[in-house]
């Protein structure tokens, strides 16, 4: 039993030593509905001046009524200047056959998208990423979570 405990502890320590992730956080949508008036806010600080990649991860279910989702994001620096802003399309279901794309089984899936590649950020600065959906419907059912992962 003690050996299993030590193996588990070593495994956890090895996982926590992953230095490529600078920041990761997620937002859970209440009742699995993303409202159009909801701006999702991710705040993080940079410790070093380096090139970073920004990934958005969206968790969705078969209840999502469309095959794709349009989303817009804005990356702001500590002075609230827009560093990068764009609209993206995430393909959630296959166009021809309608099966879900991304990772997952049964009815819950995730899709991971690189939204910003190799962006140089300043040392000891605060950044904010704002994310909104840009669909015509005010309520998007079937969206359970959105996450931001910033990595080297």
N, C-alpha and C. Protein backbone atom coordinates (compact mmCIF):
# COMPACT_ATOMS: atom_id res chain seq x y z
N UNK A 1 0.81 -1.19 0.00
CA UNK A 1 0.00 0.00 0.00
C UNK A 1 0.86 1.26 0.00
N UNK A 2 1.94 1.24 0.77
CA UNK A 2 2.82 2.40 0.85
C UNK A 2 3.52 2.62 -0.49
N UNK A 3 3.88 1.53 -1.18
CA UNK A 3 4.52 1.65 -2.49
C UNK A 3 3.59 2.33 -3.50
N UNK A 4 2.33 1.97 -3.45
CA UNK A 4 1.35 2.58 -4.36
C UNK A 4 1.22 4.07 -4.05
N UNK A 5 1.23 4.42 -2.78
CA UNK A 5 1.14 5.82 -2.38
C UNK A 5 2.34 6.60 -2.93
N UNK A 6 3.55 6.06 -2.79
CA UNK A 6 4.74 6.74 -3.29
C UNK A 6 4.74 6.84 -4.81
N UNK A 7 4.29 5.80 -5.49
CA UNK A 7 4.19 5.87 -6.95
C UNK A 7 3.20 6.94 -7.38
N UNK A 8 2.08 7.02 -6.69
CA UNK A 8 1.08 8.04 -6.98
C UNK A 8 1.66 9.44 -6.75
N UNK A 9 2.39 9.63 -5.66
CA UNK A 9 3.01 10.91 -5.35
C UNK A 9 4.03 11.30 -6.42
N UNK A 10 4.85 10.36 -6.84
CA UNK A 10 5.84 10.63 -7.90
C UNK A 10 5.14 11.00 -9.21
N UNK A 11 4.06 10.28 -9.52
CA UNK A 11 3.31 10.57 -10.74
C UNK A 11 2.75 11.99 -10.71
N UNK A 12 2.19 12.40 -9.60
CA UNK A 12 1.63 13.75 -9.45
C UNK A 12 2.74 14.80 -9.57
N UNK A 13 3.87 14.55 -8.97
CA UNK A 13 4.99 15.50 -9.05
C UNK A 13 5.49 15.64 -10.48
N UNK A 14 5.57 14.53 -11.20
CA UNK A 14 6.01 14.60 -12.59
C UNK A 14 5.01 15.39 -13.45
N UNK A 15 3.74 15.21 -13.22
CA UNK A 15 2.73 15.96 -13.97
C UNK A 15 2.78 17.45 -13.65
N UNK A 16 3.06 17.78 -12.41
CA UNK A 16 3.08 19.19 -12.01
C UNK A 16 4.34 19.90 -12.50
N UNK A 17 5.33 19.17 -12.96
CA UNK A 17 6.57 19.78 -13.44
C UNK A 17 6.49 20.19 -14.90
N UNK A 18 5.35 20.11 -15.50
CA UNK A 18 5.19 20.52 -16.89
C UNK A 18 5.34 22.03 -16.98
N UNK A 19 6.43 22.48 -17.57
CA UNK A 19 6.74 23.90 -17.64
C UNK A 19 6.21 24.58 -18.90
N UNK A 20 5.56 23.85 -19.78
CA UNK A 20 5.09 24.48 -21.01
C UNK A 20 3.81 25.27 -20.79
N UNK A 21 2.98 24.88 -19.82
CA UNK A 21 1.76 25.63 -19.53
C UNK A 21 2.08 26.82 -18.64
N UNK A 22 1.75 28.01 -19.11
CA UNK A 22 1.93 29.23 -18.35
C UNK A 22 0.67 29.54 -17.55
N UNK A 23 -0.49 29.27 -18.17
CA UNK A 23 -1.77 29.59 -17.56
C UNK A 23 -2.83 28.66 -18.12
N UNK A 24 -3.73 28.21 -17.28
CA UNK A 24 -4.90 27.48 -17.75
C UNK A 24 -6.04 27.74 -16.77
N UNK A 25 -7.20 28.00 -17.34
CA UNK A 25 -8.38 28.25 -16.53
C UNK A 25 -9.60 27.94 -17.38
N UNK A 26 -10.72 27.71 -16.73
CA UNK A 26 -11.93 27.39 -17.46
C UNK A 26 -13.12 28.13 -16.86
N UNK A 27 -14.18 28.21 -17.64
CA UNK A 27 -15.43 28.82 -17.21
C UNK A 27 -16.55 27.84 -17.52
N UNK A 28 -17.35 27.51 -16.52
CA UNK A 28 -18.51 26.63 -16.70
C UNK A 28 -19.75 27.48 -16.96
N UNK A 29 -20.52 27.12 -17.98
CA UNK A 29 -21.74 27.84 -18.29
C UNK A 29 -22.90 27.28 -17.47
N UNK A 30 -23.64 28.17 -16.85
CA UNK A 30 -24.79 27.77 -16.05
C UNK A 30 -25.86 27.17 -16.95
N UNK A 31 -26.37 26.03 -16.58
CA UNK A 31 -27.40 25.29 -17.34
C UNK A 31 -26.95 24.93 -18.76
N UNK A 32 -25.64 24.89 -18.99
CA UNK A 32 -25.07 24.56 -20.31
C UNK A 32 -25.61 25.45 -21.42
N UNK A 33 -25.74 26.74 -21.12
CA UNK A 33 -26.21 27.71 -22.10
C UNK A 33 -25.25 28.89 -22.11
N UNK A 34 -24.75 29.23 -23.31
CA UNK A 34 -23.88 30.39 -23.49
C UNK A 34 -24.74 31.52 -24.02
N UNK A 35 -24.91 32.57 -23.23
CA UNK A 35 -25.72 33.72 -23.60
C UNK A 35 -24.86 34.73 -24.38
N UNK A 36 -25.48 35.41 -25.33
CA UNK A 36 -24.73 36.35 -26.17
C UNK A 36 -24.23 37.56 -25.40
N UNK A 37 -24.86 37.90 -24.29
CA UNK A 37 -24.41 39.05 -23.51
C UNK A 37 -23.32 38.68 -22.50
N UNK A 38 -22.86 37.44 -22.55
CA UNK A 38 -21.81 36.98 -21.62
C UNK A 38 -20.44 37.06 -22.28
N UNK A 39 -19.60 37.94 -21.76
CA UNK A 39 -18.19 37.97 -22.16
C UNK A 39 -17.42 37.16 -21.14
N UNK A 40 -16.75 36.14 -21.60
CA UNK A 40 -15.94 35.30 -20.72
C UNK A 40 -14.59 35.98 -20.57
N UNK A 41 -14.14 36.15 -19.34
CA UNK A 41 -12.93 36.92 -19.05
C UNK A 41 -11.89 36.00 -18.43
N UNK A 42 -10.71 35.97 -19.05
CA UNK A 42 -9.56 35.24 -18.52
C UNK A 42 -8.45 36.26 -18.25
N UNK A 43 -8.02 36.38 -16.99
CA UNK A 43 -6.93 37.28 -16.60
C UNK A 43 -5.71 36.46 -16.23
N UNK A 44 -4.54 36.88 -16.72
CA UNK A 44 -3.30 36.21 -16.33
C UNK A 44 -2.14 37.18 -16.37
N UNK A 45 -1.06 36.83 -15.68
CA UNK A 45 0.16 37.64 -15.61
C UNK A 45 1.29 36.91 -16.31
N UNK A 46 2.15 37.67 -16.93
CA UNK A 46 3.34 37.07 -17.54
C UNK A 46 4.53 37.29 -16.60
N UNK A 47 5.35 36.28 -16.49
CA UNK A 47 6.53 36.39 -15.63
C UNK A 47 7.77 36.72 -16.44
N UNK A 48 7.78 36.26 -17.68
CA UNK A 48 8.94 36.46 -18.55
C UNK A 48 8.49 37.03 -19.89
N UNK A 49 9.42 37.61 -20.59
CA UNK A 49 9.15 38.03 -21.96
C UNK A 49 9.42 36.81 -22.84
N UNK A 50 8.37 36.31 -23.50
CA UNK A 50 8.51 35.10 -24.28
C UNK A 50 7.41 35.00 -25.32
N UNK A 51 7.57 34.04 -26.22
CA UNK A 51 6.56 33.76 -27.23
C UNK A 51 5.58 32.73 -26.69
N UNK A 52 4.29 33.03 -26.77
CA UNK A 52 3.28 32.14 -26.21
C UNK A 52 2.22 31.79 -27.24
N UNK A 53 1.64 30.61 -27.06
CA UNK A 53 0.51 30.15 -27.86
C UNK A 53 -0.74 30.15 -26.98
N UNK A 54 -1.86 30.53 -27.56
CA UNK A 54 -3.13 30.60 -26.84
C UNK A 54 -4.10 29.61 -27.47
N UNK A 55 -4.62 28.69 -26.65
CA UNK A 55 -5.59 27.68 -27.11
C UNK A 55 -6.91 27.88 -26.40
N UNK A 56 -7.99 27.82 -27.17
CA UNK A 56 -9.33 27.79 -26.60
C UNK A 56 -9.84 26.37 -26.69
N UNK A 57 -10.44 25.89 -25.63
CA UNK A 57 -11.01 24.55 -25.58
C UNK A 57 -12.49 24.70 -25.25
N UNK A 58 -13.34 24.19 -26.11
CA UNK A 58 -14.78 24.31 -25.93
C UNK A 58 -15.36 22.93 -25.68
N UNK A 59 -16.15 22.80 -24.62
CA UNK A 59 -16.85 21.54 -24.31
C UNK A 59 -18.31 21.72 -24.71
N UNK A 60 -18.84 20.74 -25.45
CA UNK A 60 -20.20 20.84 -25.96
C UNK A 60 -20.84 19.46 -25.98
N UNK A 61 -22.14 19.44 -26.23
CA UNK A 61 -22.87 18.18 -26.26
C UNK A 61 -23.69 18.10 -27.55
N UNK A 62 -24.37 16.96 -27.70
CA UNK A 62 -25.24 16.77 -28.86
C UNK A 62 -26.43 17.72 -28.87
N UNK A 63 -26.68 18.40 -27.76
CA UNK A 63 -27.78 19.35 -27.68
C UNK A 63 -27.47 20.66 -28.41
N UNK A 64 -26.20 20.87 -28.79
CA UNK A 64 -25.84 22.09 -29.50
C UNK A 64 -26.54 22.06 -30.87
N UNK A 65 -27.29 23.11 -31.24
CA UNK A 65 -28.17 23.05 -32.41
C UNK A 65 -27.51 23.30 -33.77
N UNK A 66 -26.25 23.71 -33.81
CA UNK A 66 -25.61 24.06 -35.08
C UNK A 66 -24.39 23.17 -35.31
N UNK A 67 -23.83 23.24 -36.53
CA UNK A 67 -22.64 22.45 -36.82
C UNK A 67 -21.35 23.19 -36.46
N UNK A 68 -21.44 24.49 -36.27
CA UNK A 68 -20.25 25.28 -35.95
C UNK A 68 -20.62 26.37 -34.95
N UNK A 69 -19.61 27.09 -34.52
CA UNK A 69 -19.82 28.24 -33.65
C UNK A 69 -18.83 29.32 -34.04
N UNK A 70 -19.34 30.53 -34.17
CA UNK A 70 -18.49 31.69 -34.40
C UNK A 70 -18.26 32.37 -33.07
N UNK A 71 -17.01 32.69 -32.82
CA UNK A 71 -16.64 33.32 -31.56
C UNK A 71 -15.64 34.43 -31.87
N UNK A 72 -15.69 35.47 -31.07
CA UNK A 72 -14.71 36.54 -31.22
C UNK A 72 -13.95 36.68 -29.90
N UNK A 73 -12.71 37.07 -30.02
CA UNK A 73 -11.88 37.27 -28.83
C UNK A 73 -11.07 38.55 -28.98
N UNK A 74 -10.69 39.11 -27.85
CA UNK A 74 -9.80 40.27 -27.80
C UNK A 74 -8.82 40.05 -26.66
N UNK A 75 -7.55 40.19 -26.97
CA UNK A 75 -6.50 40.11 -25.97
C UNK A 75 -6.08 41.54 -25.63
N UNK A 76 -6.21 41.90 -24.35
CA UNK A 76 -5.89 43.25 -23.88
C UNK A 76 -4.67 43.21 -22.98
N UNK A 77 -3.84 44.25 -23.08
CA UNK A 77 -2.70 44.34 -22.17
C UNK A 77 -3.13 45.07 -20.90
N UNK A 78 -2.18 45.33 -20.01
CA UNK A 78 -2.50 45.93 -18.71
C UNK A 78 -3.04 47.36 -18.84
N UNK A 79 -2.77 48.01 -19.95
CA UNK A 79 -3.28 49.36 -20.19
C UNK A 79 -4.58 49.35 -20.98
N UNK A 80 -5.16 48.16 -21.14
CA UNK A 80 -6.43 47.93 -21.87
C UNK A 80 -6.33 48.24 -23.36
N UNK A 81 -5.12 48.16 -23.90
CA UNK A 81 -4.91 48.27 -25.35
C UNK A 81 -5.15 46.90 -25.97
N UNK A 82 -5.77 46.87 -27.12
CA UNK A 82 -6.01 45.59 -27.81
C UNK A 82 -4.71 45.13 -28.45
N UNK A 83 -4.23 43.99 -28.00
CA UNK A 83 -3.01 43.39 -28.54
C UNK A 83 -3.36 42.57 -29.78
N UNK A 84 -4.44 41.82 -29.69
CA UNK A 84 -4.88 40.96 -30.80
C UNK A 84 -6.38 40.76 -30.66
N UNK A 85 -7.07 40.81 -31.79
CA UNK A 85 -8.51 40.61 -31.79
C UNK A 85 -8.88 39.91 -33.09
N UNK A 86 -9.84 38.98 -33.00
CA UNK A 86 -10.19 38.22 -34.20
C UNK A 86 -11.52 37.51 -33.98
N UNK A 87 -12.14 37.11 -35.07
CA UNK A 87 -13.30 36.23 -35.03
C UNK A 87 -12.86 34.89 -35.58
N UNK A 88 -13.29 33.82 -34.91
CA UNK A 88 -12.90 32.48 -35.34
C UNK A 88 -14.15 31.62 -35.51
N UNK A 89 -14.01 30.59 -36.31
CA UNK A 89 -15.07 29.60 -36.47
C UNK A 89 -14.54 28.27 -35.96
N UNK A 90 -15.31 27.66 -35.07
CA UNK A 90 -14.99 26.32 -34.58
C UNK A 90 -15.98 25.36 -35.20
N UNK A 91 -15.49 24.38 -35.91
CA UNK A 91 -16.35 23.35 -36.51
C UNK A 91 -16.58 22.29 -35.45
N UNK A 92 -17.84 22.09 -35.04
CA UNK A 92 -18.16 21.16 -33.96
C UNK A 92 -18.71 19.83 -34.48
N UNK A 93 -19.40 19.87 -35.60
CA UNK A 93 -19.99 18.66 -36.17
C UNK A 93 -19.58 18.57 -37.64
N UNK A 94 -19.40 17.35 -38.13
CA UNK A 94 -19.05 17.12 -39.52
C UNK A 94 -20.16 17.66 -40.43
N UNK A 95 -19.76 18.36 -41.49
CA UNK A 95 -20.73 18.99 -42.38
C UNK A 95 -21.57 17.97 -43.14
N UNK A 96 -20.97 16.88 -43.54
CA UNK A 96 -21.68 15.91 -44.39
C UNK A 96 -22.51 14.91 -43.58
N UNK A 97 -21.91 14.33 -42.54
CA UNK A 97 -22.57 13.25 -41.80
C UNK A 97 -23.10 13.68 -40.44
N UNK A 98 -22.67 14.81 -39.93
CA UNK A 98 -23.20 15.32 -38.67
C UNK A 98 -22.63 14.73 -37.41
N UNK A 99 -21.59 13.92 -37.51
CA UNK A 99 -21.01 13.37 -36.28
C UNK A 99 -20.13 14.42 -35.60
N UNK A 100 -20.04 14.36 -34.27
CA UNK A 100 -19.28 15.36 -33.52
C UNK A 100 -17.78 15.25 -33.79
N UNK A 101 -17.14 16.39 -33.83
CA UNK A 101 -15.69 16.46 -34.02
C UNK A 101 -15.02 16.72 -32.68
N UNK A 102 -13.73 16.50 -32.61
CA UNK A 102 -13.00 16.71 -31.37
C UNK A 102 -12.90 15.43 -30.57
N UNK A 103 -12.60 15.57 -29.30
CA UNK A 103 -12.44 14.43 -28.40
C UNK A 103 -13.70 14.23 -27.59
N UNK A 104 -13.99 13.00 -27.25
CA UNK A 104 -15.12 12.70 -26.38
C UNK A 104 -15.87 11.47 -26.84
N UNK A 105 -16.79 11.03 -25.99
CA UNK A 105 -17.61 9.88 -26.31
C UNK A 105 -19.05 10.15 -25.89
N UNK A 106 -19.95 9.37 -26.41
CA UNK A 106 -21.38 9.44 -26.13
C UNK A 106 -21.94 10.80 -26.54
N UNK A 107 -22.15 11.71 -25.57
CA UNK A 107 -22.75 12.98 -25.94
C UNK A 107 -21.96 14.21 -25.53
N UNK A 108 -20.81 14.05 -24.88
CA UNK A 108 -19.98 15.18 -24.45
C UNK A 108 -18.65 15.17 -25.18
N UNK A 109 -18.32 16.34 -25.76
CA UNK A 109 -17.14 16.45 -26.61
C UNK A 109 -16.39 17.73 -26.32
N UNK A 110 -15.11 17.75 -26.69
CA UNK A 110 -14.30 18.96 -26.59
C UNK A 110 -13.56 19.18 -27.89
N UNK A 111 -13.43 20.43 -28.26
CA UNK A 111 -12.64 20.79 -29.42
C UNK A 111 -11.62 21.83 -28.97
N UNK A 112 -10.38 21.63 -29.39
CA UNK A 112 -9.24 22.46 -28.99
C UNK A 112 -8.76 23.22 -30.22
N UNK A 113 -8.64 24.54 -30.10
CA UNK A 113 -8.26 25.37 -31.23
C UNK A 113 -7.17 26.35 -30.85
N UNK A 114 -6.11 26.39 -31.62
CA UNK A 114 -5.05 27.38 -31.45
C UNK A 114 -5.56 28.70 -32.02
N UNK A 115 -5.72 29.71 -31.17
CA UNK A 115 -6.25 30.98 -31.66
C UNK A 115 -5.16 32.03 -31.88
N UNK A 116 -4.08 31.96 -31.10
CA UNK A 116 -2.96 32.89 -31.26
C UNK A 116 -1.68 32.07 -31.20
N UNK A 117 -0.85 32.23 -32.22
CA UNK A 117 0.40 31.46 -32.27
C UNK A 117 1.59 32.40 -32.15
N UNK A 118 2.50 32.04 -31.26
CA UNK A 118 3.80 32.72 -31.10
C UNK A 118 3.66 34.23 -30.92
N UNK A 119 2.88 34.62 -29.94
CA UNK A 119 2.72 36.04 -29.63
C UNK A 119 3.73 36.41 -28.56
N UNK A 120 4.50 37.46 -28.81
CA UNK A 120 5.48 37.90 -27.83
C UNK A 120 4.78 38.79 -26.80
N UNK A 121 4.92 38.41 -25.54
CA UNK A 121 4.31 39.20 -24.48
C UNK A 121 5.40 39.82 -23.62
N UNK A 122 5.03 40.89 -22.92
CA UNK A 122 5.98 41.62 -22.09
C UNK A 122 6.17 40.95 -20.74
N UNK A 123 7.30 41.22 -20.13
CA UNK A 123 7.63 40.66 -18.82
C UNK A 123 6.83 41.40 -17.74
N UNK A 124 6.33 40.64 -16.75
CA UNK A 124 5.59 41.18 -15.60
C UNK A 124 4.43 42.08 -16.01
N UNK A 125 3.66 41.64 -16.98
CA UNK A 125 2.51 42.41 -17.45
C UNK A 125 1.24 41.60 -17.21
N UNK A 126 0.13 42.30 -17.06
CA UNK A 126 -1.16 41.67 -16.91
C UNK A 126 -1.89 41.67 -18.25
N UNK A 127 -2.53 40.55 -18.56
CA UNK A 127 -3.28 40.42 -19.81
C UNK A 127 -4.68 39.91 -19.51
N UNK A 128 -5.61 40.29 -20.38
CA UNK A 128 -6.99 39.85 -20.27
C UNK A 128 -7.44 39.37 -21.64
N UNK A 129 -8.01 38.18 -21.67
CA UNK A 129 -8.61 37.66 -22.91
C UNK A 129 -10.12 37.64 -22.71
N UNK A 130 -10.83 38.35 -23.60
CA UNK A 130 -12.29 38.40 -23.58
C UNK A 130 -12.81 37.53 -24.71
N UNK A 131 -13.77 36.66 -24.44
CA UNK A 131 -14.31 35.76 -25.45
C UNK A 131 -15.84 35.87 -25.43
N UNK A 132 -16.44 36.03 -26.61
CA UNK A 132 -17.90 36.07 -26.77
C UNK A 132 -18.27 35.17 -27.93
N UNK A 133 -19.49 34.67 -27.92
CA UNK A 133 -19.95 33.98 -29.12
C UNK A 133 -20.58 35.01 -30.05
N UNK A 134 -20.48 34.76 -31.33
CA UNK A 134 -20.96 35.69 -32.34
C UNK A 134 -22.03 35.06 -33.21
N UNK A 135 -22.87 34.24 -32.60
CA UNK A 135 -23.95 33.59 -33.33
C UNK A 135 -25.19 34.49 -33.29
N UNK A 136 -26.14 34.23 -34.18
CA UNK A 136 -27.36 35.04 -34.23
C UNK A 136 -28.28 34.78 -33.04
N UNK A 137 -28.32 33.57 -32.56
CA UNK A 137 -29.17 33.24 -31.41
C UNK A 137 -28.57 33.81 -30.13
N UNK A 138 -29.42 34.34 -29.27
CA UNK A 138 -28.94 34.88 -28.01
C UNK A 138 -28.51 33.80 -27.03
N UNK A 139 -29.14 32.64 -27.13
CA UNK A 139 -28.86 31.53 -26.23
C UNK A 139 -28.34 30.35 -27.04
N UNK A 140 -27.20 29.83 -26.64
CA UNK A 140 -26.64 28.64 -27.29
C UNK A 140 -26.66 27.47 -26.31
N UNK A 141 -27.66 26.59 -26.40
CA UNK A 141 -27.70 25.43 -25.51
C UNK A 141 -26.67 24.39 -25.95
N UNK A 142 -26.25 23.57 -25.00
CA UNK A 142 -25.31 22.49 -25.31
C UNK A 142 -23.85 22.86 -25.16
N UNK A 143 -23.56 24.07 -24.71
CA UNK A 143 -22.17 24.48 -24.47
C UNK A 143 -21.96 24.48 -22.96
N UNK A 144 -21.07 23.62 -22.48
CA UNK A 144 -20.91 23.47 -21.03
C UNK A 144 -19.71 24.20 -20.45
N UNK A 145 -18.64 24.34 -21.23
CA UNK A 145 -17.42 24.91 -20.66
C UNK A 145 -16.55 25.48 -21.77
N UNK A 146 -15.83 26.55 -21.41
CA UNK A 146 -14.79 27.08 -22.29
C UNK A 146 -13.53 27.25 -21.44
N UNK A 147 -12.40 26.93 -22.03
CA UNK A 147 -11.14 27.01 -21.29
C UNK A 147 -10.09 27.74 -22.12
N UNK A 148 -9.15 28.36 -21.43
CA UNK A 148 -8.01 28.99 -22.07
C UNK A 148 -6.76 28.33 -21.53
N UNK A 149 -5.88 27.92 -22.45
CA UNK A 149 -4.57 27.38 -22.08
C UNK A 149 -3.51 28.21 -22.80
N UNK A 150 -2.61 28.80 -22.02
CA UNK A 150 -1.51 29.58 -22.57
C UNK A 150 -0.24 28.79 -22.31
N UNK A 151 0.53 28.56 -23.38
CA UNK A 151 1.73 27.72 -23.24
C UNK A 151 2.86 28.25 -24.10
N UNK A 152 4.05 27.79 -23.73
CA UNK A 152 5.26 28.17 -24.48
C UNK A 152 5.28 27.47 -25.82
